[in-house]
């Protein structure tokens, strides 16, 4: 039999083959698992493709920022930082917590599996869409069971305190800082989480890493590596909130900042106190403009948003109607 006849006979046999439902399901599962592994490897490779800059050629000095502030609603302004010399890309939100139309929310109790900080993970973008926030950003650092588990596991373990709707859903961690929001448009950053340090009138709170600015004095840090940063700062005695997102997912376009450099930037903005939230690949800032949720950060690198443990949202009353 010629080679062509053999091939045609084999092709006909394949066309007439009837696969059982079990076999079809098996192949579907295999194909799905291969796709999941491919996505996981792709994310891991892209997340490692642009490592933080470890050697600082010169310290970042945020002098004469000349920011172009833009109002997105009453009491909230946004601005971007573009420094071609470093280079650096950053995004700032300034919020008047005293504005009666503005309120603060955190990831809600319904997402928690228990009151020990085990929460269903989600992207900041999904959080923002669900609550129709005007501003949303990621908050606390978290634990997962393995390197790959943050891709596939549905839950995260928050590191440190989390209060939502007046309910404490995660215990304090005395080695971490936190930001507390009260019921009368005021906030406070505490350096060390203890039960005594959290007043009863705390409406919501999220855990951070460490305080980087206290009473307009930089709190020196040993974290001297530039990376993506998410930080919050307070001015006017806790009545004004600053949210700062600095990008470094592609260090050719933006190198990010160290903790001390972030503190310098917060000081230049007018903050009195400031602390770091979870940065790196978790850093996400979502802005609602003209009724649409926009990913303000990240804007460089792989635009695959990480599912994080906790988020903070700024609600504008008139946007909810």
C-alpha atoms as a PDB file:
ATOM      1  CA  UNK A   1       0.000   0.000   0.000  1.00  0.00           C
ATOM      2  CA  UNK A   2       1.353   3.421  -0.965  1.00  0.00           C
ATOM      3  CA  UNK A   3       2.175   6.005   1.676  1.00  0.00           C
ATOM      4  CA  UNK A   4      -0.680   8.285   0.553  1.00  0.00           C
ATOM      5  CA  UNK A   5      -3.230   5.450   0.828  1.00  0.00           C
ATOM      6  CA  UNK A   6      -2.025   4.681   4.357  1.00  0.00           C
ATOM      7  CA  UNK A   7      -2.445   8.304   5.366  1.00  0.00           C
ATOM      8  CA  UNK A   8      -5.936   8.511   3.826  1.00  0.00           C
ATOM      9  CA  UNK A   9      -6.990   5.285   5.557  1.00  0.00           C
ATOM     10  CA  UNK A  10      -5.749   6.563   8.910  1.00  0.00           C
ATOM     11  CA  UNK A  11      -7.517   9.908   8.411  1.00  0.00           C
ATOM     12  CA  UNK A  12     -10.806   8.147   7.593  1.00  0.00           C
ATOM     13  CA  UNK A  13     -10.466   6.000  10.688  1.00  0.00           C
ATOM     14  CA  UNK A  14      -9.960   9.113  12.831  1.00  0.00           C
ATOM     15  CA  UNK A  15     -12.993  10.814  11.338  1.00  0.00           C
ATOM     16  CA  UNK A  16     -15.188   7.802  12.100  1.00  0.00           C
ATOM     17  CA  UNK A  17     -13.955   7.405  15.649  1.00  0.00           C
ATOM     18  CA  UNK A  18     -16.621   8.055  18.284  1.00  0.00           C
ATOM     19  CA  UNK A  19     -15.253   9.232  21.624  1.00  0.00           C
ATOM     20  CA  UNK A  20     -17.124   8.516  24.828  1.00  0.00           C
ATOM     21  CA  UNK A  21     -18.369  11.474  26.942  1.00  0.00           C
ATOM     22  CA  UNK A  22     -15.901  10.471  29.672  1.00  0.00           C
ATOM     23  CA  UNK A  23     -12.984  10.606  27.243  1.00  0.00           C
ATOM     24  CA  UNK A  24     -14.096  13.986  25.917  1.00  0.00           C
ATOM     25  CA  UNK A  25     -14.329  15.349  29.488  1.00  0.00           C
ATOM     26  CA  UNK A  26     -10.881  13.948  30.227  1.00  0.00           C
ATOM     27  CA  UNK A  27      -9.328  15.721  27.246  1.00  0.00           C
ATOM     28  CA  UNK A  28     -11.165  18.936  28.175  1.00  0.00           C
ATOM     29  CA  UNK A  29      -9.755  18.809  31.715  1.00  0.00           C
ATOM     30  CA  UNK A  30      -6.241  18.159  30.424  1.00  0.00           C
ATOM     31  CA  UNK A  31      -6.510  21.051  27.980  1.00  0.00           C
ATOM     32  CA  UNK A  32      -7.859  23.358  30.729  1.00  0.00           C
ATOM     33  CA  UNK A  33      -5.046  22.417  33.116  1.00  0.00           C
ATOM     34  CA  UNK A  34      -2.420  22.982  30.423  1.00  0.00           C
ATOM     35  CA  UNK A  35      -3.916  26.426  29.786  1.00  0.00           C
ATOM     36  CA  UNK A  36      -3.812  27.272  33.528  1.00  0.00           C
ATOM     37  CA  UNK A  37      -0.181  26.195  33.757  1.00  0.00           C
ATOM     38  CA  UNK A  38       0.654  28.286  30.686  1.00  0.00           C
ATOM     39  CA  UNK A  39      -0.973  31.381  32.204  1.00  0.00           C
ATOM     40  CA  UNK A  40       0.804  30.782  35.535  1.00  0.00           C
ATOM     41  CA  UNK A  41       4.202  30.479  33.876  1.00  0.00           C
ATOM     42  CA  UNK A  42       3.496  33.545  31.746  1.00  0.00           C
ATOM     43  CA  UNK A  43       2.611  35.648  34.803  1.00  0.00           C
ATOM     44  CA  UNK A  44       5.617  34.422  36.757  1.00  0.00           C
ATOM     45  CA  UNK A  45       7.974  35.158  33.879  1.00  0.00           C
ATOM     46  CA  UNK A  46       6.561  38.611  33.227  1.00  0.00           C
ATOM     47  CA  UNK A  47       6.568  39.491  36.919  1.00  0.00           C
ATOM     48  CA  UNK A  48      10.249  38.609  37.084  1.00  0.00           C
ATOM     49  CA  UNK A  49      11.177  40.242  33.797  1.00  0.00           C
ATOM     50  CA  UNK A  50      11.811  43.676  35.269  1.00  0.00           C
ATOM     51  CA  UNK A  51      13.352  43.388  38.754  1.00  0.00           C
ATOM     52  CA  UNK A  52      13.587  46.343  41.143  1.00  0.00           C
ATOM     53  CA  UNK A  53      16.657  48.538  40.851  1.00  0.00           C
ATOM     54  CA  UNK A  54      18.896  47.631  43.782  1.00  0.00           C
ATOM     55  CA  UNK A  55      21.657  50.162  43.213  1.00  0.00           C
ATOM     56  CA  UNK A  56      20.631  53.768  43.679  1.00  0.00           C
ATOM     57  CA  UNK A  57      22.695  56.058  41.450  1.00  0.00           C
ATOM     58  CA  UNK A  58      21.333  59.140  43.197  1.00  0.00           C
ATOM     59  CA  UNK A  59      18.487  59.749  45.647  1.00  0.00           C
ATOM     60  CA  UNK A  60      15.202  60.998  44.275  1.00  0.00           C
ATOM     61  CA  UNK A  61      14.558  64.599  45.297  1.00  0.00           C
ATOM     62  CA  UNK A  62      10.936  65.555  44.630  1.00  0.00           C
ATOM     63  CA  UNK A  63      11.508  69.302  44.548  1.00  0.00           C
ATOM     64  CA  UNK A  64       9.272  71.676  42.589  1.00  0.00           C
ATOM     65  CA  UNK A  65       6.822  69.004  41.498  1.00  0.00           C
ATOM     66  CA  UNK A  66       4.654  71.502  39.596  1.00  0.00           C
ATOM     67  CA  UNK A  67       1.674  69.163  39.735  1.00  0.00           C
ATOM     68  CA  UNK A  68      -1.344  69.652  37.505  1.00  0.00           C
ATOM     69  CA  UNK A  69      -4.194  68.855  39.891  1.00  0.00           C
ATOM     70  CA  UNK A  70      -7.494  67.796  38.356  1.00  0.00           C
ATOM     71  CA  UNK A  71     -10.786  67.650  40.255  1.00  0.00           C
ATOM     72  CA  UNK A  72     -12.798  64.477  39.652  1.00  0.00           C
ATOM     73  CA  UNK A  73     -15.547  65.412  42.115  1.00  0.00           C
ATOM     74  CA  UNK A  74     -16.089  67.755  45.033  1.00  0.00           C
ATOM     75  CA  UNK A  75     -13.326  67.140  47.583  1.00  0.00           C
ATOM     76  CA  UNK A  76     -11.133  64.845  45.452  1.00  0.00           C
ATOM     77  CA  UNK A  77      -8.253  65.805  43.161  1.00  0.00           C
ATOM     78  CA  UNK A  78      -5.786  63.696  41.192  1.00  0.00           C
ATOM     79  CA  UNK A  79      -2.382  64.391  39.658  1.00  0.00           C
ATOM     80  CA  UNK A  80       0.343  62.452  37.853  1.00  0.00           C
ATOM     81  CA  UNK A  81       4.115  62.546  38.251  1.00  0.00           C
ATOM     82  CA  UNK A  82       6.399  62.073  35.258  1.00  0.00           C
ATOM     83  CA  UNK A  83      10.126  62.384  35.880  1.00  0.00           C
ATOM     84  CA  UNK A  84      12.126  61.518  32.766  1.00  0.00           C
ATOM     85  CA  UNK A  85      15.466  61.801  34.564  1.00  0.00           C
ATOM     86  CA  UNK A  86      14.977  58.954  37.038  1.00  0.00           C
ATOM     87  CA  UNK A  87      12.663  57.858  35.281  1.00  0.00           C
ATOM     88  CA  UNK A  88       9.536  57.808  37.468  1.00  0.00           C
ATOM     89  CA  UNK A  89       5.788  57.508  36.971  1.00  0.00           C
ATOM     90  CA  UNK A  90       3.497  58.164  39.906  1.00  0.00           C
ATOM     91  CA  UNK A  91      -0.140  58.938  40.630  1.00  0.00           C
ATOM     92  CA  UNK A  92      -1.535  60.981  43.516  1.00  0.00           C
ATOM     93  CA  UNK A  93      -5.023  61.388  44.944  1.00  0.00           C
ATOM     94  CA  UNK A  94      -5.876  64.107  47.477  1.00  0.00           C
ATOM     95  CA  UNK A  95      -9.102  63.585  49.424  1.00  0.00           C
ATOM     96  CA  UNK A  96     -10.927  65.945  51.784  1.00  0.00           C
ATOM     97  CA  UNK A  97     -12.250  63.553  54.409  1.00  0.00           C
ATOM     98  CA  UNK A  98     -14.363  66.356  55.920  1.00  0.00           C
ATOM     99  CA  UNK A  99     -16.473  66.633  52.783  1.00  0.00           C
ATOM    100  CA  UNK A 100     -19.961  65.421  53.819  1.00  0.00           C
ATOM    101  CA  UNK A 101     -20.446  63.690  50.466  1.00  0.00           C
ATOM    102  CA  UNK A 102     -17.324  61.542  50.902  1.00  0.00           C
ATOM    103  CA  UNK A 103     -16.992  58.334  52.929  1.00  0.00           C
ATOM    104  CA  UNK A 104     -14.448  55.533  53.210  1.00  0.00           C
ATOM    105  CA  UNK A 105     -15.094  51.798  52.924  1.00  0.00           C
ATOM    106  CA  UNK A 106     -12.909  48.708  53.142  1.00  0.00           C
ATOM    107  CA  UNK A 107     -13.379  45.137  51.906  1.00  0.00           C
ATOM    108  CA  UNK A 108     -16.680  44.083  53.429  1.00  0.00           C
ATOM    109  CA  UNK A 109     -17.310  41.415  56.117  1.00  0.00           C
ATOM    110  CA  UNK A 110     -19.224  39.226  53.633  1.00  0.00           C
ATOM    111  CA  UNK A 111     -15.928  38.423  51.885  1.00  0.00           C
ATOM    112  CA  UNK A 112     -14.389  36.910  55.017  1.00  0.00           C
ATOM    113  CA  UNK A 113     -14.395  33.218  55.849  1.00  0.00           C
ATOM    114  CA  UNK A 114     -13.709  33.976  59.519  1.00  0.00           C
ATOM    115  CA  UNK A 115     -12.642  36.825  61.795  1.00  0.00           C
ATOM    116  CA  UNK A 116      -9.009  35.719  61.625  1.00  0.00           C
ATOM    117  CA  UNK A 117      -8.322  37.565  58.388  1.00  0.00           C
ATOM    118  CA  UNK A 118      -9.089  34.833  55.842  1.00  0.00           C
ATOM    119  CA  UNK A 119     -10.736  36.696  52.968  1.00  0.00           C
ATOM    120  CA  UNK A 120     -11.860  35.905  49.450  1.00  0.00           C
ATOM    121  CA  UNK A 121      -9.351  37.517  47.110  1.00  0.00           C
ATOM    122  CA  UNK A 122     -10.313  39.889  44.333  1.00  0.00           C
ATOM    123  CA  UNK A 123      -8.771  42.547  42.150  1.00  0.00           C
ATOM    124  CA  UNK A 124      -9.082  46.174  43.180  1.00  0.00           C
ATOM    125  CA  UNK A 125     -10.860  46.783  39.877  1.00  0.00           C
ATOM    126  CA  UNK A 126     -13.643  44.318  40.740  1.00  0.00           C
ATOM    127  CA  UNK A 127     -13.940  45.859  44.206  1.00  0.00           C
ATOM    128  CA  UNK A 128     -14.269  49.316  42.634  1.00  0.00           C
ATOM    129  CA  UNK A 129     -16.930  48.191  40.150  1.00  0.00           C
ATOM    130  CA  UNK A 130     -19.009  46.437  42.795  1.00  0.00           C
ATOM    131  CA  UNK A 131     -19.093  49.447  45.114  1.00  0.00           C
ATOM    132  CA  UNK A 132     -19.050  52.131  42.403  1.00  0.00           C
ATOM    133  CA  UNK A 133     -16.179  53.890  44.154  1.00  0.00           C
ATOM    134  CA  UNK A 134     -14.700  57.150  42.943  1.00  0.00           C
ATOM    135  CA  UNK A 135     -11.244  55.984  44.109  1.00  0.00           C
ATOM    136  CA  UNK A 136     -10.074  52.488  45.083  1.00  0.00           C
ATOM    137  CA  UNK A 137      -6.671  51.088  46.009  1.00  0.00           C
ATOM    138  CA  UNK A 138      -5.163  47.911  47.433  1.00  0.00           C
ATOM    139  CA  UNK A 139      -4.220  47.822  51.089  1.00  0.00           C
ATOM    140  CA  UNK A 140      -2.732  45.134  53.335  1.00  0.00           C
ATOM    141  CA  UNK A 141      -0.014  42.606  52.679  1.00  0.00           C
ATOM    142  CA  UNK A 142      -1.150  38.985  52.779  1.00  0.00           C
ATOM    143  CA  UNK A 143      -0.031  35.390  53.043  1.00  0.00           C
ATOM    144  CA  UNK A 144      -0.644  32.496  50.665  1.00  0.00           C
ATOM    145  CA  UNK A 145       0.251  28.843  51.065  1.00  0.00           C
ATOM    146  CA  UNK A 146       2.751  28.797  48.179  1.00  0.00           C
ATOM    147  CA  UNK A 147       4.305  30.790  45.355  1.00  0.00           C
ATOM    148  CA  UNK A 148       1.641  29.704  42.875  1.00  0.00           C
ATOM    149  CA  UNK A 149      -1.296  29.686  45.260  1.00  0.00           C
ATOM    150  CA  UNK A 150      -2.041  33.386  44.795  1.00  0.00           C
ATOM    151  CA  UNK A 151      -2.919  32.530  41.183  1.00  0.00           C
ATOM    152  CA  UNK A 152      -5.290  29.684  41.958  1.00  0.00           C
ATOM    153  CA  UNK A 153      -6.391  29.900  45.617  1.00  0.00           C
ATOM    154  CA  UNK A 154      -9.603  31.805  46.241  1.00  0.00           C
ATOM    155  CA  UNK A 155      -8.609  33.164  49.668  1.00  0.00           C
ATOM    156  CA  UNK A 156      -5.807  35.201  51.261  1.00  0.00           C
ATOM    157  CA  UNK A 157      -4.706  35.672  54.867  1.00  0.00           C
ATOM    158  CA  UNK A 158      -4.478  39.368  55.736  1.00  0.00           C
ATOM    159  CA  UNK A 159      -1.410  40.385  57.723  1.00  0.00           C
ATOM    160  CA  UNK A 160      -2.656  42.678  60.457  1.00  0.00           C
ATOM    161  CA  UNK A 161      -5.839  44.437  61.404  1.00  0.00           C
ATOM    162  CA  UNK A 162      -8.852  44.856  59.153  1.00  0.00           C
ATOM    163  CA  UNK A 163     -12.012  46.655  60.210  1.00  0.00           C
ATOM    164  CA  UNK A 164     -15.029  46.993  57.927  1.00  0.00           C
ATOM    165  CA  UNK A 165     -18.402  48.508  58.820  1.00  0.00           C
ATOM    166  CA  UNK A 166     -17.192  48.770  62.407  1.00  0.00           C
ATOM    167  CA  UNK A 167     -16.438  45.027  62.620  1.00  0.00           C
ATOM    168  CA  UNK A 168     -12.919  43.725  63.221  1.00  0.00           C
ATOM    169  CA  UNK A 169     -12.334  40.907  60.743  1.00  0.00           C
ATOM    170  CA  UNK A 170      -8.595  40.367  61.259  1.00  0.00           C
ATOM    171  CA  UNK A 171      -6.504  40.542  64.458  1.00  0.00           C
ATOM    172  CA  UNK A 172      -3.843  43.146  65.161  1.00  0.00           C
ATOM    173  CA  UNK A 173      -0.197  42.552  64.328  1.00  0.00           C
ATOM    174  CA  UNK A 174       2.049  44.531  66.661  1.00  0.00           C
ATOM    175  CA  UNK A 175       4.922  44.629  64.172  1.00  0.00           C
ATOM    176  CA  UNK A 176       2.858  46.495  61.548  1.00  0.00           C
ATOM    177  CA  UNK A 177       1.399  49.977  61.125  1.00  0.00           C
ATOM    178  CA  UNK A 178      -2.220  50.735  60.212  1.00  0.00           C
ATOM    179  CA  UNK A 179      -4.493  53.535  59.091  1.00  0.00           C
ATOM    180  CA  UNK A 180      -7.756  54.027  60.981  1.00  0.00           C
ATOM    181  CA  UNK A 181     -10.815  55.880  59.676  1.00  0.00           C
ATOM    182  CA  UNK A 182     -13.332  57.360  62.106  1.00  0.00           C
ATOM    183  CA  UNK A 183     -16.982  58.317  61.782  1.00  0.00           C
ATOM    184  CA  UNK A 184     -16.509  62.086  61.565  1.00  0.00           C
ATOM    185  CA  UNK A 185     -14.281  62.445  58.534  1.00  0.00           C
ATOM    186  CA  UNK A 186     -10.967  61.950  60.232  1.00  0.00           C
ATOM    187  CA  UNK A 187      -8.174  59.379  60.010  1.00  0.00           C
ATOM    188  CA  UNK A 188      -5.096  58.390  61.981  1.00  0.00           C
ATOM    189  CA  UNK A 189      -1.963  56.386  61.213  1.00  0.00           C
ATOM    190  CA  UNK A 190      -0.677  54.258  64.080  1.00  0.00           C
ATOM    191  CA  UNK A 191       2.881  52.930  64.143  1.00  0.00           C
ATOM    192  CA  UNK A 192       2.067  49.746  66.024  1.00  0.00           C
ATOM    193  CA  UNK A 193      -1.147  47.771  66.024  1.00  0.00           C
ATOM    194  CA  UNK A 194      -2.482  47.017  69.491  1.00  0.00           C
ATOM    195  CA  UNK A 195      -6.056  46.637  70.695  1.00  0.00           C
ATOM    196  CA  UNK A 196      -5.556  49.688  72.907  1.00  0.00           C
ATOM    197  CA  UNK A 197      -4.379  51.780  69.940  1.00  0.00           C
ATOM    198  CA  UNK A 198      -7.641  51.207  68.051  1.00  0.00           C
ATOM    199  CA  UNK A 199     -10.501  53.403  69.380  1.00  0.00           C
ATOM    200  CA  UNK A 200     -14.038  52.049  69.572  1.00  0.00           C
ATOM    201  CA  UNK A 201     -15.312  54.626  67.078  1.00  0.00           C
ATOM    202  CA  UNK A 202     -13.093  53.208  64.306  1.00  0.00           C
ATOM    203  CA  UNK A 203     -15.383  52.600  61.328  1.00  0.00           C
ATOM    204  CA  UNK A 204     -12.794  50.948  59.118  1.00  0.00           C
ATOM    205  CA  UNK A 205      -9.078  50.228  59.153  1.00  0.00           C
ATOM    206  CA  UNK A 206      -6.442  48.492  57.060  1.00  0.00           C
ATOM    207  CA  UNK A 207      -3.004  47.198  57.880  1.00  0.00           C
ATOM    208  CA  UNK A 208       0.176  48.463  56.262  1.00  0.00           C
ATOM    209  CA  UNK A 209       3.887  47.865  56.588  1.00  0.00           C
ATOM    210  CA  UNK A 210       5.697  50.643  58.421  1.00  0.00           C
ATOM    211  CA  UNK A 211       5.329  54.350  59.120  1.00  0.00           C
ATOM    212  CA  UNK A 212       7.652  56.334  56.851  1.00  0.00           C
ATOM    213  CA  UNK A 213       6.699  59.853  57.980  1.00  0.00           C
ATOM    214  CA  UNK A 214       5.733  61.075  61.444  1.00  0.00           C
ATOM    215  CA  UNK A 215       5.040  64.719  62.310  1.00  0.00           C
ATOM    216  CA  UNK A 216       6.761  65.796  59.074  1.00  0.00           C
ATOM    217  CA  UNK A 217       9.900  63.864  60.026  1.00  0.00           C
ATOM    218  CA  UNK A 218      11.120  60.999  57.854  1.00  0.00           C
ATOM    219  CA  UNK A 219      11.283  57.694  59.711  1.00  0.00           C
ATOM    220  CA  UNK A 220      14.429  56.129  58.266  1.00  0.00           C
ATOM    221  CA  UNK A 221      13.962  52.697  56.723  1.00  0.00           C
ATOM    222  CA  UNK A 222      16.301  49.884  55.743  1.00  0.00           C
ATOM    223  CA  UNK A 223      14.205  49.214  52.623  1.00  0.00           C
ATOM    224  CA  UNK A 224      16.577  50.896  50.166  1.00  0.00           C
ATOM    225  CA  UNK A 225      15.370  49.098  47.043  1.00  0.00           C
ATOM    226  CA  UNK A 226      13.271  50.921  44.488  1.00  0.00           C
ATOM    227  CA  UNK A 227      10.021  49.194  43.591  1.00  0.00           C
ATOM    228  CA  UNK A 228       6.338  49.841  42.944  1.00  0.00           C
ATOM    229  CA  UNK A 229       4.880  51.528  46.019  1.00  0.00           C
ATOM    230  CA  UNK A 230       1.435  52.144  47.428  1.00  0.00           C
ATOM    231  CA  UNK A 231       1.347  54.588  50.326  1.00  0.00           C
ATOM    232  CA  UNK A 232      -1.118  56.736  52.249  1.00  0.00           C
ATOM    233  CA  UNK A 233      -0.460  60.028  53.976  1.00  0.00           C
ATOM    234  CA  UNK A 234      -2.417  62.375  56.223  1.00  0.00           C
ATOM    235  CA  UNK A 235      -2.382  66.164  56.501  1.00  0.00           C
ATOM    236  CA  UNK A 236      -4.344  68.798  58.447  1.00  0.00           C
ATOM    237  CA  UNK A 237      -4.452  66.633  61.541  1.00  0.00           C
ATOM    238  CA  UNK A 238      -5.939  63.649  59.725  1.00  0.00           C
ATOM    239  CA  UNK A 239      -8.584  65.559  57.755  1.00  0.00           C
ATOM    240  CA  UNK A 240      -6.846  65.250  54.368  1.00  0.00           C
ATOM    241  CA  UNK A 241      -5.867  61.890  52.880  1.00  0.00           C
ATOM    242  CA  UNK A 242      -3.167  61.395  50.247  1.00  0.00           C
ATOM    243  CA  UNK A 243      -2.993  58.181  48.222  1.00  0.00           C
ATOM    244  CA  UNK A 244       0.245  57.631  46.311  1.00  0.00           C
ATOM    245  CA  UNK A 245       0.926  54.938  43.735  1.00  0.00           C
ATOM    246  CA  UNK A 246       4.416  54.679  42.226  1.00  0.00           C
ATOM    247  CA  UNK A 247       5.076  52.334  39.310  1.00  0.00           C
ATOM    248  CA  UNK A 248       8.049  50.025  38.711  1.00  0.00           C
ATOM    249  CA  UNK A 249       6.697  47.038  36.802  1.00  0.00           C
ATOM    250  CA  UNK A 250       8.840  48.152  33.875  1.00  0.00           C
ATOM    251  CA  UNK A 251      11.972  49.764  35.292  1.00  0.00           C
ATOM    252  CA  UNK A 252      13.002  51.116  31.895  1.00  0.00           C
ATOM    253  CA  UNK A 253      10.008  53.449  32.096  1.00  0.00           C
ATOM    254  CA  UNK A 254       9.771  53.934  35.877  1.00  0.00           C
ATOM    255  CA  UNK A 255      12.207  52.774  38.555  1.00  0.00           C
ATOM    256  CA  UNK A 256       9.905  53.181  41.541  1.00  0.00           C
ATOM    257  CA  UNK A 257      11.027  54.538  44.909  1.00  0.00           C
ATOM    258  CA  UNK A 258      12.595  53.402  48.169  1.00  0.00           C
ATOM    259  CA  UNK A 259      10.706  53.860  51.441  1.00  0.00           C
ATOM    260  CA  UNK A 260      12.718  56.993  52.292  1.00  0.00           C
ATOM    261  CA  UNK A 261      12.144  58.461  48.829  1.00  0.00           C
ATOM    262  CA  UNK A 262       8.418  57.783  49.166  1.00  0.00           C
ATOM    263  CA  UNK A 263       8.491  59.620  52.498  1.00  0.00           C
ATOM    264  CA  UNK A 264      10.239  62.576  50.839  1.00  0.00           C
ATOM    265  CA  UNK A 265       7.550  62.707  48.179  1.00  0.00           C
ATOM    266  CA  UNK A 266       4.780  62.557  50.777  1.00  0.00           C
ATOM    267  CA  UNK A 267       6.466  65.367  52.704  1.00  0.00           C
ATOM    268  CA  UNK A 268       6.656  67.470  49.547  1.00  0.00           C
ATOM    269  CA  UNK A 269       2.931  66.902  48.977  1.00  0.00           C
ATOM    270  CA  UNK A 270       2.196  68.289  52.425  1.00  0.00           C
ATOM    271  CA  UNK A 271       1.620  65.107  54.423  1.00  0.00           C
ATOM    272  CA  UNK A 272       2.393  65.077  58.133  1.00  0.00           C
ATOM    273  CA  UNK A 273       2.217  61.302  58.618  1.00  0.00           C
ATOM    274  CA  UNK A 274       2.516  58.503  56.063  1.00  0.00           C
ATOM    275  CA  UNK A 275       2.847  54.733  55.841  1.00  0.00           C
ATOM    276  CA  UNK A 276       3.491  52.064  53.231  1.00  0.00           C
ATOM    277  CA  UNK A 277       0.795  49.670  52.078  1.00  0.00           C
ATOM    278  CA  UNK A 278       1.385  46.497  50.062  1.00  0.00           C
ATOM    279  CA  UNK A 279       3.442  47.452  47.008  1.00  0.00           C
ATOM    280  CA  UNK A 280       5.161  45.561  44.209  1.00  0.00           C
ATOM    281  CA  UNK A 281       2.844  43.677  41.878  1.00  0.00           C
ATOM    282  CA  UNK A 282      -0.109  44.260  44.209  1.00  0.00           C
ATOM    283  CA  UNK A 283      -0.059  48.038  43.674  1.00  0.00           C
ATOM    284  CA  UNK A 284      -3.349  49.042  42.060  1.00  0.00           C
ATOM    285  CA  UNK A 285      -5.135  52.381  41.837  1.00  0.00           C
ATOM    286  CA  UNK A 286      -8.576  52.703  40.239  1.00  0.00           C
ATOM    287  CA  UNK A 287     -10.138  56.075  39.419  1.00  0.00           C
ATOM    288  CA  UNK A 288     -13.756  56.651  38.391  1.00  0.00           C
ATOM    289  CA  UNK A 289     -13.904  59.268  35.663  1.00  0.00           C
ATOM    290  CA  UNK A 290     -17.133  60.175  33.896  1.00  0.00           C
ATOM    291  CA  UNK A 291     -18.836  57.097  35.302  1.00  0.00           C
ATOM    292  CA  UNK A 292     -16.209  54.606  34.145  1.00  0.00           C
ATOM    293  CA  UNK A 293     -13.643  52.814  36.294  1.00  0.00           C
ATOM    294  CA  UNK A 294     -10.152  53.456  34.936  1.00  0.00           C
ATOM    295  CA  UNK A 295      -6.981  51.599  35.902  1.00  0.00           C
ATOM    296  CA  UNK A 296      -4.751  54.521  36.906  1.00  0.00           C
ATOM    297  CA  UNK A 297      -1.980  52.152  38.015  1.00  0.00           C
ATOM    298  CA  UNK A 298      -0.373  50.019  36.781  1.00  0.00           C
ATOM    299  CA  UNK A 299      -0.016  51.547  33.330  1.00  0.00           C
ATOM    300  CA  UNK A 300       3.285  49.891  32.381  1.00  0.00           C
ATOM    301  CA  UNK A 301       4.367  46.270  32.300  1.00  0.00           C
ATOM    302  CA  UNK A 302       1.932  43.329  32.119  1.00  0.00           C
ATOM    303  CA  UNK A 303      -1.533  44.720  32.781  1.00  0.00           C
ATOM    304  CA  UNK A 304      -2.709  41.638  34.657  1.00  0.00           C
ATOM    305  CA  UNK A 305      -4.189  42.789  37.947  1.00  0.00           C
ATOM    306  CA  UNK A 306      -3.323  40.709  40.972  1.00  0.00           C
ATOM    307  CA  UNK A 307      -6.081  39.426  43.220  1.00  0.00           C
ATOM    308  CA  UNK A 308      -5.279  40.994  46.570  1.00  0.00           C
ATOM    309  CA  UNK A 309      -6.497  40.531  50.114  1.00  0.00           C
ATOM    310  CA  UNK A 310      -7.977  43.893  51.024  1.00  0.00           C
ATOM    311  CA  UNK A 311      -8.973  47.139  49.374  1.00  0.00           C
ATOM    312  CA  UNK A 312      -9.976  50.652  50.354  1.00  0.00           C
ATOM    313  CA  UNK A 313     -12.676  52.563  48.514  1.00  0.00           C
ATOM    314  CA  UNK A 314     -13.665  56.214  48.521  1.00  0.00           C
ATOM    315  CA  UNK A 315     -17.395  56.703  48.055  1.00  0.00           C
ATOM    316  CA  UNK A 316     -18.850  59.903  46.605  1.00  0.00           C
ATOM    317  CA  UNK A 317     -22.522  60.128  47.531  1.00  0.00           C
ATOM    318  CA  UNK A 318     -23.715  61.710  44.290  1.00  0.00           C
ATOM    319  CA  UNK A 319     -21.972  59.022  42.232  1.00  0.00           C
ATOM    320  CA  UNK A 320     -24.121  56.349  43.893  1.00  0.00           C
ATOM    321  CA  UNK A 321     -27.359  57.723  42.444  1.00  0.00           C
END
